[in-house]
Amino acid sequence: MVCPRCLESVSDIAAGLKLPVSSVELGSVELTRPLTDGEQEKFGQSLSDKGFELVFDRETELVTLVKGALAGYIRHLEESEHPEKLSVYVSEKNHYNYSYLSKVFSEATGETIENHLIRLKIERVKELLQFRKWTLSEIAWKLNYSSVQYLSNQFKKVTGMTVTQYRKKNRNDRISLDSL
């Protein structure tokens, strides 16, 4: 789960099942006690019905946590005047060394953390372009790109089209951030 709606959905599921939840954060649910087999089965099925999965192996859990941190990093970029470096942010959010997280993430997903972040940022750019509230220059600043040209080049590399082409087509082919 990597977005506020996901947090709300998971919280609602847990509350509906009367599970002993102490907190729900991006990528994790903390419990006050272990779940019984029956609770775990019901929770897993309820999550699956909503498009989530219950994860127990450490590698998959770390990938999920990193993805959650990356979604949070996008918000951090937009809200902070002086955002932290990606490696610092992800390490602090997950309490692991960045090179370890990077290795596990790459082995499990076949892409680097940085490439996944680029895809997330481009999806966010698409979303902001659809609002037609900000100029490309403002979007580049908002997402901490060094220049509009760099954003444009990255956009074309990821999507196969220029920002202008994307705008003209008035495309609605965004991928939700929580499904990346």
N, C-alpha and C. Protein backbone atom coordinates (compact mmCIF):
# COMPACT_ATOMS: atom_id res chain seq x y z
N MET A 1 0.86 -1.17 0.00
CA MET A 1 0.00 0.00 0.00
C MET A 1 0.89 1.22 0.00
N VAL A 2 0.63 2.12 -0.90
CA VAL A 2 1.55 3.23 -1.07
C VAL A 2 0.87 4.58 -1.21
N CYS A 3 -0.38 4.69 -0.80
CA CYS A 3 -1.06 5.98 -0.91
C CYS A 3 -2.02 6.14 0.26
N PRO A 4 -2.45 7.36 0.53
CA PRO A 4 -3.38 7.59 1.64
C PRO A 4 -4.68 6.78 1.53
N ARG A 5 -5.19 6.62 0.31
CA ARG A 5 -6.41 5.82 0.14
C ARG A 5 -6.15 4.37 0.51
N CYS A 6 -4.96 3.89 0.23
CA CYS A 6 -4.60 2.52 0.58
C CYS A 6 -4.58 2.36 2.10
N LEU A 7 -3.98 3.35 2.78
CA LEU A 7 -3.95 3.30 4.24
C LEU A 7 -5.35 3.23 4.81
N GLU A 8 -6.23 4.05 4.27
CA GLU A 8 -7.61 4.08 4.74
C GLU A 8 -8.30 2.74 4.48
N SER A 9 -8.10 2.17 3.31
CA SER A 9 -8.71 0.88 2.97
C SER A 9 -8.24 -0.22 3.92
N VAL A 10 -6.94 -0.29 4.13
CA VAL A 10 -6.38 -1.32 5.00
C VAL A 10 -6.86 -1.11 6.44
N SER A 11 -6.89 0.14 6.89
CA SER A 11 -7.40 0.43 8.24
C SER A 11 -8.85 -0.01 8.38
N ASP A 12 -9.66 0.27 7.36
CA ASP A 12 -11.08 -0.12 7.38
C ASP A 12 -11.24 -1.64 7.42
N ILE A 13 -10.41 -2.34 6.64
CA ILE A 13 -10.47 -3.80 6.62
C ILE A 13 -10.12 -4.35 8.01
N ALA A 14 -9.03 -3.84 8.59
CA ALA A 14 -8.60 -4.31 9.90
C ALA A 14 -9.65 -4.01 10.97
N ALA A 15 -10.23 -2.82 10.91
CA ALA A 15 -11.27 -2.45 11.88
C ALA A 15 -12.49 -3.34 11.72
N GLY A 16 -12.88 -3.61 10.48
CA GLY A 16 -14.03 -4.47 10.22
C GLY A 16 -13.84 -5.89 10.73
N LEU A 17 -12.60 -6.34 10.73
CA LEU A 17 -12.29 -7.68 11.24
C LEU A 17 -11.94 -7.66 12.72
N LYS A 18 -11.96 -6.46 13.31
CA LYS A 18 -11.63 -6.26 14.73
C LYS A 18 -10.24 -6.82 15.07
N LEU A 19 -9.27 -6.50 14.22
CA LEU A 19 -7.90 -6.95 14.43
C LEU A 19 -7.18 -6.01 15.39
N PRO A 20 -6.19 -6.53 16.11
CA PRO A 20 -5.46 -5.73 17.10
C PRO A 20 -4.38 -4.85 16.46
N VAL A 21 -4.79 -3.84 15.72
CA VAL A 21 -3.85 -2.98 15.00
C VAL A 21 -3.43 -1.80 15.86
N SER A 22 -2.12 -1.56 15.94
CA SER A 22 -1.64 -0.38 16.67
C SER A 22 -1.33 0.76 15.71
N SER A 23 -0.94 0.41 14.47
CA SER A 23 -0.71 1.47 13.48
C SER A 23 -0.72 0.88 12.07
N VAL A 24 -1.10 1.74 11.13
CA VAL A 24 -1.07 1.40 9.71
C VAL A 24 -0.26 2.48 9.04
N GLU A 25 0.83 2.09 8.40
CA GLU A 25 1.69 3.04 7.70
C GLU A 25 1.90 2.54 6.28
N LEU A 26 2.52 3.36 5.45
CA LEU A 26 2.79 2.94 4.08
C LEU A 26 3.60 1.65 4.08
N GLY A 27 2.99 0.60 3.54
CA GLY A 27 3.70 -0.66 3.40
C GLY A 27 3.67 -1.58 4.60
N SER A 28 3.05 -1.18 5.73
CA SER A 28 3.07 -2.07 6.88
C SER A 28 1.89 -1.83 7.81
N VAL A 29 1.54 -2.91 8.51
CA VAL A 29 0.52 -2.87 9.55
C VAL A 29 1.18 -3.42 10.81
N GLU A 30 1.13 -2.65 11.88
CA GLU A 30 1.71 -3.10 13.14
C GLU A 30 0.59 -3.58 14.04
N LEU A 31 0.78 -4.76 14.61
CA LEU A 31 -0.24 -5.37 15.45
C LEU A 31 0.21 -5.39 16.91
N THR A 32 -0.75 -5.43 17.80
CA THR A 32 -0.42 -5.50 19.23
C THR A 32 -0.20 -6.94 19.69
N ARG A 33 -0.58 -7.90 18.87
CA ARG A 33 -0.34 -9.32 19.14
C ARG A 33 -0.34 -10.06 17.80
N PRO A 34 0.24 -11.25 17.78
CA PRO A 34 0.18 -12.05 16.53
C PRO A 34 -1.25 -12.43 16.21
N LEU A 35 -1.54 -12.56 14.92
CA LEU A 35 -2.86 -12.97 14.49
C LEU A 35 -3.00 -14.49 14.60
N THR A 36 -4.22 -14.93 14.88
CA THR A 36 -4.49 -16.36 14.83
C THR A 36 -4.49 -16.77 13.36
N ASP A 37 -4.42 -18.06 13.10
CA ASP A 37 -4.46 -18.53 11.71
C ASP A 37 -5.74 -18.08 11.01
N GLY A 38 -6.86 -18.15 11.73
CA GLY A 38 -8.14 -17.73 11.15
C GLY A 38 -8.17 -16.25 10.83
N GLU A 39 -7.65 -15.43 11.76
CA GLU A 39 -7.59 -13.98 11.53
C GLU A 39 -6.70 -13.66 10.34
N GLN A 40 -5.57 -14.36 10.31
CA GLN A 40 -4.62 -14.12 9.22
C GLN A 40 -5.23 -14.49 7.88
N GLU A 41 -5.96 -15.59 7.82
CA GLU A 41 -6.60 -16.02 6.58
C GLU A 41 -7.67 -15.01 6.15
N LYS A 42 -8.50 -14.57 7.09
CA LYS A 42 -9.55 -13.59 6.76
C LYS A 42 -8.94 -12.26 6.33
N PHE A 43 -7.90 -11.84 7.04
CA PHE A 43 -7.24 -10.57 6.71
C PHE A 43 -6.63 -10.65 5.32
N GLY A 44 -5.93 -11.75 5.04
CA GLY A 44 -5.31 -11.93 3.73
C GLY A 44 -6.34 -11.93 2.62
N GLN A 45 -7.46 -12.62 2.82
CA GLN A 45 -8.51 -12.67 1.81
C GLN A 45 -9.14 -11.30 1.60
N SER A 46 -9.42 -10.60 2.70
CA SER A 46 -10.03 -9.26 2.60
C SER A 46 -9.09 -8.29 1.88
N LEU A 47 -7.80 -8.38 2.18
CA LEU A 47 -6.83 -7.54 1.49
C LEU A 47 -6.79 -7.89 0.00
N SER A 48 -6.78 -9.17 -0.30
CA SER A 48 -6.75 -9.63 -1.68
C SER A 48 -7.97 -9.13 -2.46
N ASP A 49 -9.13 -9.16 -1.82
CA ASP A 49 -10.35 -8.68 -2.46
C ASP A 49 -10.25 -7.21 -2.87
N LYS A 50 -9.42 -6.44 -2.16
CA LYS A 50 -9.24 -5.01 -2.45
C LYS A 50 -7.98 -4.74 -3.28
N GLY A 51 -7.31 -5.81 -3.73
CA GLY A 51 -6.13 -5.63 -4.59
C GLY A 51 -4.82 -5.53 -3.84
N PHE A 52 -4.81 -5.87 -2.55
CA PHE A 52 -3.58 -5.86 -1.76
C PHE A 52 -3.14 -7.30 -1.52
N GLU A 53 -1.94 -7.46 -0.97
CA GLU A 53 -1.52 -8.79 -0.59
C GLU A 53 -0.84 -8.74 0.76
N LEU A 54 -1.02 -9.81 1.50
CA LEU A 54 -0.39 -9.96 2.80
C LEU A 54 0.97 -10.57 2.56
N VAL A 55 2.00 -9.91 3.03
CA VAL A 55 3.37 -10.32 2.73
C VAL A 55 4.08 -10.71 4.02
N PHE A 56 4.76 -11.84 3.97
CA PHE A 56 5.49 -12.28 5.16
C PHE A 56 6.98 -12.50 4.93
N ASP A 57 7.40 -12.82 3.70
CA ASP A 57 8.83 -13.05 3.53
C ASP A 57 9.55 -11.71 3.54
N ARG A 58 10.72 -11.69 4.12
CA ARG A 58 11.46 -10.46 4.39
C ARG A 58 11.78 -9.69 3.11
N GLU A 59 12.19 -10.38 2.05
CA GLU A 59 12.57 -9.71 0.81
C GLU A 59 11.38 -8.95 0.21
N THR A 60 10.23 -9.63 0.13
CA THR A 60 9.04 -8.99 -0.42
C THR A 60 8.59 -7.85 0.46
N GLU A 61 8.72 -8.05 1.76
CA GLU A 61 8.35 -6.99 2.71
C GLU A 61 9.23 -5.76 2.52
N LEU A 62 10.52 -5.97 2.35
CA LEU A 62 11.44 -4.84 2.14
C LEU A 62 11.13 -4.11 0.85
N VAL A 63 10.82 -4.84 -0.22
CA VAL A 63 10.46 -4.20 -1.49
C VAL A 63 9.21 -3.35 -1.30
N THR A 64 8.22 -3.90 -0.60
CA THR A 64 6.99 -3.16 -0.33
C THR A 64 7.27 -1.91 0.49
N LEU A 65 8.14 -2.03 1.49
CA LEU A 65 8.49 -0.88 2.32
C LEU A 65 9.22 0.19 1.50
N VAL A 66 10.12 -0.25 0.62
CA VAL A 66 10.85 0.71 -0.22
C VAL A 66 9.88 1.42 -1.17
N LYS A 67 8.95 0.68 -1.76
CA LYS A 67 7.96 1.30 -2.65
C LYS A 67 7.12 2.32 -1.89
N GLY A 68 6.75 1.99 -0.66
CA GLY A 68 6.01 2.94 0.17
C GLY A 68 6.83 4.18 0.47
N ALA A 69 8.11 3.98 0.76
CA ALA A 69 8.99 5.11 1.02
C ALA A 69 9.15 5.99 -0.22
N LEU A 70 9.20 5.37 -1.40
CA LEU A 70 9.34 6.13 -2.64
C LEU A 70 8.09 6.97 -2.91
N ALA A 71 6.92 6.42 -2.63
CA ALA A 71 5.69 7.21 -2.78
C ALA A 71 5.71 8.38 -1.80
N GLY A 72 6.19 8.12 -0.60
CA GLY A 72 6.33 9.18 0.38
C GLY A 72 7.36 10.22 -0.04
N TYR A 73 8.40 9.75 -0.73
CA TYR A 73 9.45 10.66 -1.19
C TYR A 73 8.91 11.65 -2.23
N ILE A 74 7.98 11.18 -3.07
CA ILE A 74 7.37 12.09 -4.05
C ILE A 74 6.67 13.24 -3.30
N ARG A 75 5.90 12.89 -2.27
CA ARG A 75 5.24 13.93 -1.46
C ARG A 75 6.28 14.83 -0.79
N HIS A 76 7.34 14.21 -0.29
CA HIS A 76 8.42 14.96 0.37
C HIS A 76 9.04 15.97 -0.61
N LEU A 77 9.26 15.56 -1.85
CA LEU A 77 9.80 16.47 -2.86
C LEU A 77 8.88 17.67 -3.06
N GLU A 78 7.58 17.40 -3.12
CA GLU A 78 6.61 18.46 -3.39
C GLU A 78 6.44 19.40 -2.20
N GLU A 79 6.61 18.90 -1.00
CA GLU A 79 6.31 19.69 0.19
C GLU A 79 7.51 20.37 0.82
N SER A 80 8.70 19.89 0.51
CA SER A 80 9.89 20.39 1.18
C SER A 80 10.67 21.36 0.29
N GLU A 81 11.10 22.44 0.90
CA GLU A 81 11.91 23.40 0.15
C GLU A 81 13.32 22.85 -0.11
N HIS A 82 13.83 22.08 0.84
CA HIS A 82 15.15 21.47 0.72
C HIS A 82 15.03 19.98 1.03
N PRO A 83 14.55 19.22 0.05
CA PRO A 83 14.32 17.79 0.30
C PRO A 83 15.62 17.03 0.56
N GLU A 84 15.48 15.96 1.35
CA GLU A 84 16.62 15.09 1.63
C GLU A 84 16.99 14.32 0.37
N LYS A 85 18.20 13.83 0.34
CA LYS A 85 18.62 12.97 -0.76
C LYS A 85 17.80 11.68 -0.67
N LEU A 86 17.55 11.07 -1.81
CA LEU A 86 16.78 9.84 -1.89
C LEU A 86 17.33 8.77 -0.95
N SER A 87 18.63 8.55 -1.00
CA SER A 87 19.23 7.48 -0.20
C SER A 87 19.02 7.71 1.29
N VAL A 88 19.14 8.94 1.73
CA VAL A 88 18.94 9.27 3.15
C VAL A 88 17.49 9.04 3.53
N TYR A 89 16.58 9.53 2.70
CA TYR A 89 15.15 9.41 2.99
C TYR A 89 14.73 7.94 3.08
N VAL A 90 15.09 7.13 2.09
CA VAL A 90 14.69 5.72 2.07
C VAL A 90 15.32 4.96 3.23
N SER A 91 16.58 5.22 3.53
CA SER A 91 17.24 4.55 4.65
C SER A 91 16.58 4.90 5.98
N GLU A 92 16.28 6.17 6.18
CA GLU A 92 15.67 6.59 7.44
C GLU A 92 14.26 6.01 7.60
N LYS A 93 13.51 5.94 6.52
CA LYS A 93 12.14 5.43 6.59
C LYS A 93 12.12 3.92 6.86
N ASN A 94 13.14 3.21 6.41
CA ASN A 94 13.14 1.75 6.53
C ASN A 94 14.13 1.20 7.55
N HIS A 95 14.98 2.08 8.07
CA HIS A 95 15.95 1.68 9.11
C HIS A 95 16.93 0.60 8.62
N TYR A 96 17.29 0.71 7.36
CA TYR A 96 18.29 -0.18 6.77
C TYR A 96 19.25 0.66 5.95
N ASN A 97 20.44 0.11 5.75
CA ASN A 97 21.43 0.75 4.89
C ASN A 97 20.90 0.81 3.46
N TYR A 98 21.09 1.95 2.80
CA TYR A 98 20.55 2.13 1.46
C TYR A 98 21.11 1.12 0.46
N SER A 99 22.40 0.81 0.54
CA SER A 99 22.98 -0.12 -0.43
C SER A 99 22.36 -1.52 -0.26
N TYR A 100 22.05 -1.92 0.96
CA TYR A 100 21.38 -3.20 1.19
C TYR A 100 19.98 -3.18 0.59
N LEU A 101 19.22 -2.12 0.88
CA LEU A 101 17.86 -1.99 0.33
C LEU A 101 17.90 -1.99 -1.20
N SER A 102 18.87 -1.29 -1.75
CA SER A 102 19.01 -1.19 -3.20
C SER A 102 19.28 -2.56 -3.81
N LYS A 103 20.15 -3.32 -3.18
CA LYS A 103 20.48 -4.66 -3.68
C LYS A 103 19.24 -5.57 -3.63
N VAL A 104 18.55 -5.59 -2.50
CA VAL A 104 17.36 -6.43 -2.35
C VAL A 104 16.29 -6.01 -3.36
N PHE A 105 16.08 -4.70 -3.48
CA PHE A 105 15.06 -4.18 -4.39
C PHE A 105 15.37 -4.58 -5.84
N SER A 106 16.60 -4.37 -6.26
CA SER A 106 17.00 -4.69 -7.64
C SER A 106 16.86 -6.17 -7.94
N GLU A 107 17.30 -7.01 -7.00
CA GLU A 107 17.21 -8.46 -7.22
C GLU A 107 15.75 -8.92 -7.30
N ALA A 108 14.89 -8.33 -6.49
CA ALA A 108 13.49 -8.76 -6.44
C ALA A 108 12.66 -8.21 -7.59
N THR A 109 12.96 -6.99 -8.04
CA THR A 109 12.10 -6.34 -9.04
C THR A 109 12.71 -6.26 -10.43
N GLY A 110 14.02 -6.39 -10.52
CA GLY A 110 14.68 -6.27 -11.82
C GLY A 110 14.91 -4.82 -12.23
N GLU A 111 14.66 -3.88 -11.33
CA GLU A 111 14.94 -2.47 -11.61
C GLU A 111 15.55 -1.83 -10.38
N THR A 112 16.25 -0.74 -10.59
CA THR A 112 16.86 -0.05 -9.45
C THR A 112 15.82 0.81 -8.74
N ILE A 113 16.14 1.18 -7.53
CA ILE A 113 15.28 2.11 -6.78
C ILE A 113 15.15 3.41 -7.55
N GLU A 114 16.24 3.88 -8.11
CA GLU A 114 16.24 5.14 -8.83
C GLU A 114 15.33 5.08 -10.06
N ASN A 115 15.38 3.97 -10.80
CA ASN A 115 14.52 3.83 -11.97
C ASN A 115 13.05 3.75 -11.58
N HIS A 116 12.78 3.09 -10.47
CA HIS A 116 11.39 3.03 -10.00
C HIS A 116 10.91 4.43 -9.61
N LEU A 117 11.78 5.19 -8.96
CA LEU A 117 11.43 6.57 -8.59
C LEU A 117 11.16 7.41 -9.84
N ILE A 118 11.96 7.23 -10.87
CA ILE A 118 11.74 7.98 -12.12
C ILE A 118 10.36 7.66 -12.67
N ARG A 119 9.98 6.38 -12.70
CA ARG A 119 8.65 6.03 -13.20
C ARG A 119 7.55 6.65 -12.33
N LEU A 120 7.75 6.66 -11.02
CA LEU A 120 6.77 7.29 -10.13
C LEU A 120 6.66 8.79 -10.41
N LYS A 121 7.81 9.43 -10.57
CA LYS A 121 7.81 10.87 -10.83
C LYS A 121 7.12 11.19 -12.15
N ILE A 122 7.35 10.39 -13.18
CA ILE A 122 6.71 10.63 -14.47
C ILE A 122 5.20 10.44 -14.36
N GLU A 123 4.75 9.46 -13.61
CA GLU A 123 3.31 9.30 -13.40
C GLU A 123 2.74 10.50 -12.65
N ARG A 124 3.50 11.03 -11.72
CA ARG A 124 3.05 12.24 -11.01
C ARG A 124 3.02 13.44 -11.95
N VAL A 125 3.99 13.53 -12.83
CA VAL A 125 4.01 14.61 -13.84
C VAL A 125 2.75 14.51 -14.70
N LYS A 126 2.41 13.31 -15.15
CA LYS A 126 1.20 13.12 -15.95
C LYS A 126 -0.03 13.62 -15.19
N GLU A 127 -0.10 13.26 -13.92
CA GLU A 127 -1.23 13.68 -13.10
C GLU A 127 -1.29 15.20 -13.00
N LEU A 128 -0.17 15.83 -12.74
CA LEU A 128 -0.13 17.29 -12.62
C LEU A 128 -0.44 17.97 -13.95
N LEU A 129 -0.01 17.37 -15.05
CA LEU A 129 -0.33 17.93 -16.38
C LEU A 129 -1.83 17.89 -16.63
N GLN A 130 -2.50 16.85 -16.19
CA GLN A 130 -3.93 16.73 -16.40
C GLN A 130 -4.72 17.80 -15.64
N PHE A 131 -4.19 18.23 -14.50
CA PHE A 131 -4.85 19.28 -13.74
C PHE A 131 -4.83 20.61 -14.47
N ARG A 132 -3.82 20.79 -15.33
CA ARG A 132 -3.63 22.04 -16.10
C ARG A 132 -3.56 23.27 -15.20
N LYS A 133 -3.11 23.05 -13.98
CA LYS A 133 -2.99 24.15 -13.01
C LYS A 133 -1.58 24.73 -12.99
N TRP A 134 -0.59 23.89 -13.32
CA TRP A 134 0.80 24.31 -13.24
C TRP A 134 1.47 24.26 -14.61
N THR A 135 2.44 25.13 -14.80
CA THR A 135 3.25 25.07 -16.01
C THR A 135 4.26 23.94 -15.86
N LEU A 136 4.89 23.56 -16.95
CA LEU A 136 5.90 22.52 -16.88
C LEU A 136 7.07 22.97 -16.00
N SER A 137 7.38 24.23 -16.07
CA SER A 137 8.44 24.77 -15.23
C SER A 137 8.10 24.62 -13.74
N GLU A 138 6.85 24.90 -13.40
CA GLU A 138 6.42 24.76 -12.00
C GLU A 138 6.42 23.29 -11.57
N ILE A 139 6.04 22.41 -12.47
CA ILE A 139 6.04 20.98 -12.16
C ILE A 139 7.48 20.50 -11.95
N ALA A 140 8.38 20.96 -12.80
CA ALA A 140 9.79 20.58 -12.67
C ALA A 140 10.33 21.04 -11.32
N TRP A 141 10.00 22.26 -10.92
CA TRP A 141 10.45 22.78 -9.63
C TRP A 141 9.83 21.98 -8.49
N LYS A 142 8.54 21.73 -8.62
CA LYS A 142 7.77 21.01 -7.59
C LYS A 142 8.36 19.62 -7.32
N LEU A 143 8.82 18.95 -8.37
CA LEU A 143 9.35 17.59 -8.23
C LEU A 143 10.88 17.54 -8.18
N ASN A 144 11.48 18.71 -7.98
CA ASN A 144 12.92 18.82 -7.74
C ASN A 144 13.78 18.39 -8.93
N TYR A 145 13.29 18.68 -10.15
CA TYR A 145 14.12 18.46 -11.33
C TYR A 145 15.08 19.63 -11.46
N SER A 146 16.26 19.38 -11.96
CA SER A 146 17.25 20.44 -12.09
C SER A 146 16.88 21.44 -13.18
N SER A 147 16.08 21.00 -14.16
CA SER A 147 15.64 21.90 -15.22
C SER A 147 14.41 21.33 -15.92
N VAL A 148 13.73 22.19 -16.65
CA VAL A 148 12.59 21.76 -17.45
C VAL A 148 13.07 20.81 -18.54
N GLN A 149 14.21 21.10 -19.11
CA GLN A 149 14.77 20.26 -20.17
C GLN A 149 15.04 18.85 -19.68
N TYR A 150 15.58 18.74 -18.45
CA TYR A 150 15.86 17.42 -17.89
C TYR A 150 14.56 16.65 -17.68
N LEU A 151 13.54 17.32 -17.15
CA LEU A 151 12.23 16.69 -16.99
C LEU A 151 11.68 16.26 -18.34
N SER A 152 11.76 17.13 -19.33
CA SER A 152 11.24 16.81 -20.67
C SER A 152 11.94 15.60 -21.28
N ASN A 153 13.25 15.57 -21.15
CA ASN A 153 14.02 14.44 -21.68
C ASN A 153 13.64 13.13 -20.98
N GLN A 154 13.51 13.19 -19.67
CA GLN A 154 13.14 12.01 -18.91
C GLN A 154 11.72 11.55 -19.26
N PHE A 155 10.83 12.51 -19.43
CA PHE A 155 9.44 12.21 -19.79
C PHE A 155 9.40 11.47 -21.12
N LYS A 156 10.14 11.97 -22.09
CA LYS A 156 10.16 11.33 -23.42
C LYS A 156 10.77 9.94 -23.36
N LYS A 157 11.83 9.82 -22.60
CA LYS A 157 12.50 8.52 -22.48
C LYS A 157 11.55 7.47 -21.87
N VAL A 158 10.77 7.86 -20.87
CA VAL A 158 9.88 6.93 -20.18
C VAL A 158 8.59 6.67 -20.97
N THR A 159 8.00 7.72 -21.53
CA THR A 159 6.68 7.59 -22.17
C THR A 159 6.76 7.39 -23.68
N GLY A 160 7.88 7.77 -24.29
CA GLY A 160 8.00 7.67 -25.74
C GLY A 160 7.41 8.87 -26.47
N MET A 161 6.97 9.87 -25.74
CA MET A 161 6.42 11.08 -26.38
C MET A 161 6.86 12.31 -25.59
N THR A 162 6.81 13.45 -26.26
CA THR A 162 7.14 14.69 -25.59
C THR A 162 5.98 15.11 -24.71
N VAL A 163 6.24 16.06 -23.83
CA VAL A 163 5.18 16.60 -22.97
C VAL A 163 4.10 17.24 -23.83
N THR A 164 4.51 17.95 -24.86
CA THR A 164 3.55 18.60 -25.76
C THR A 164 2.65 17.57 -26.43
N GLN A 165 3.24 16.50 -26.93
CA GLN A 165 2.45 15.43 -27.54
C GLN A 165 1.47 14.83 -26.54
N TYR A 166 1.94 14.64 -25.33
CA TYR A 166 1.09 14.08 -24.27
C TYR A 166 -0.10 15.01 -23.99
N ARG A 167 0.20 16.30 -23.88
CA ARG A 167 -0.86 17.27 -23.61
C ARG A 167 -1.87 17.33 -24.75
N LYS A 168 -1.38 17.31 -26.00
CA LYS A 168 -2.27 17.39 -27.16
C LYS A 168 -3.21 16.20 -27.23
N LYS A 169 -2.70 15.04 -26.87
CA LYS A 169 -3.53 13.84 -26.91
C LYS A 169 -4.48 13.80 -25.72
N ASN A 170 -4.26 14.71 -24.74
CA ASN A 170 -5.11 14.76 -23.55
C ASN A 170 -5.27 13.36 -22.98
N ARG A 171 -4.16 12.69 -22.86
CA ARG A 171 -4.15 11.28 -22.48
C ARG A 171 -4.58 11.09 -21.03
N ASN A 172 -5.21 9.98 -20.80
CA ASN A 172 -5.58 9.59 -19.46
C ASN A 172 -5.08 8.16 -19.22
N ASP A 173 -3.79 7.96 -19.49
CA ASP A 173 -3.22 6.62 -19.37
C ASP A 173 -2.30 6.50 -18.16
N ARG A 174 -2.58 7.33 -17.17
CA ARG A 174 -1.77 7.29 -15.96
C ARG A 174 -1.89 5.95 -15.28
N ILE A 175 -0.82 5.55 -14.64
CA ILE A 175 -0.80 4.35 -13.80
C ILE A 175 -0.84 4.85 -12.37
N SER A 176 -1.75 4.32 -11.58
CA SER A 176 -1.82 4.77 -10.18
C SER A 176 -0.52 4.43 -9.50
N LEU A 177 -0.05 5.32 -8.64
CA LEU A 177 1.24 5.14 -7.99
C LEU A 177 1.28 3.88 -7.14
N ASP A 178 0.15 3.50 -6.56
CA ASP A 178 0.15 2.31 -5.72
C ASP A 178 0.19 1.02 -6.52
N SER A 179 0.00 1.09 -7.84
CA SER A 179 0.11 -0.14 -8.62
C SER A 179 1.48 -0.29 -9.26
N LEU A 180 2.35 0.70 -9.12
CA LEU A 180 3.72 0.60 -9.65
C LEU A 180 4.61 -0.18 -8.72
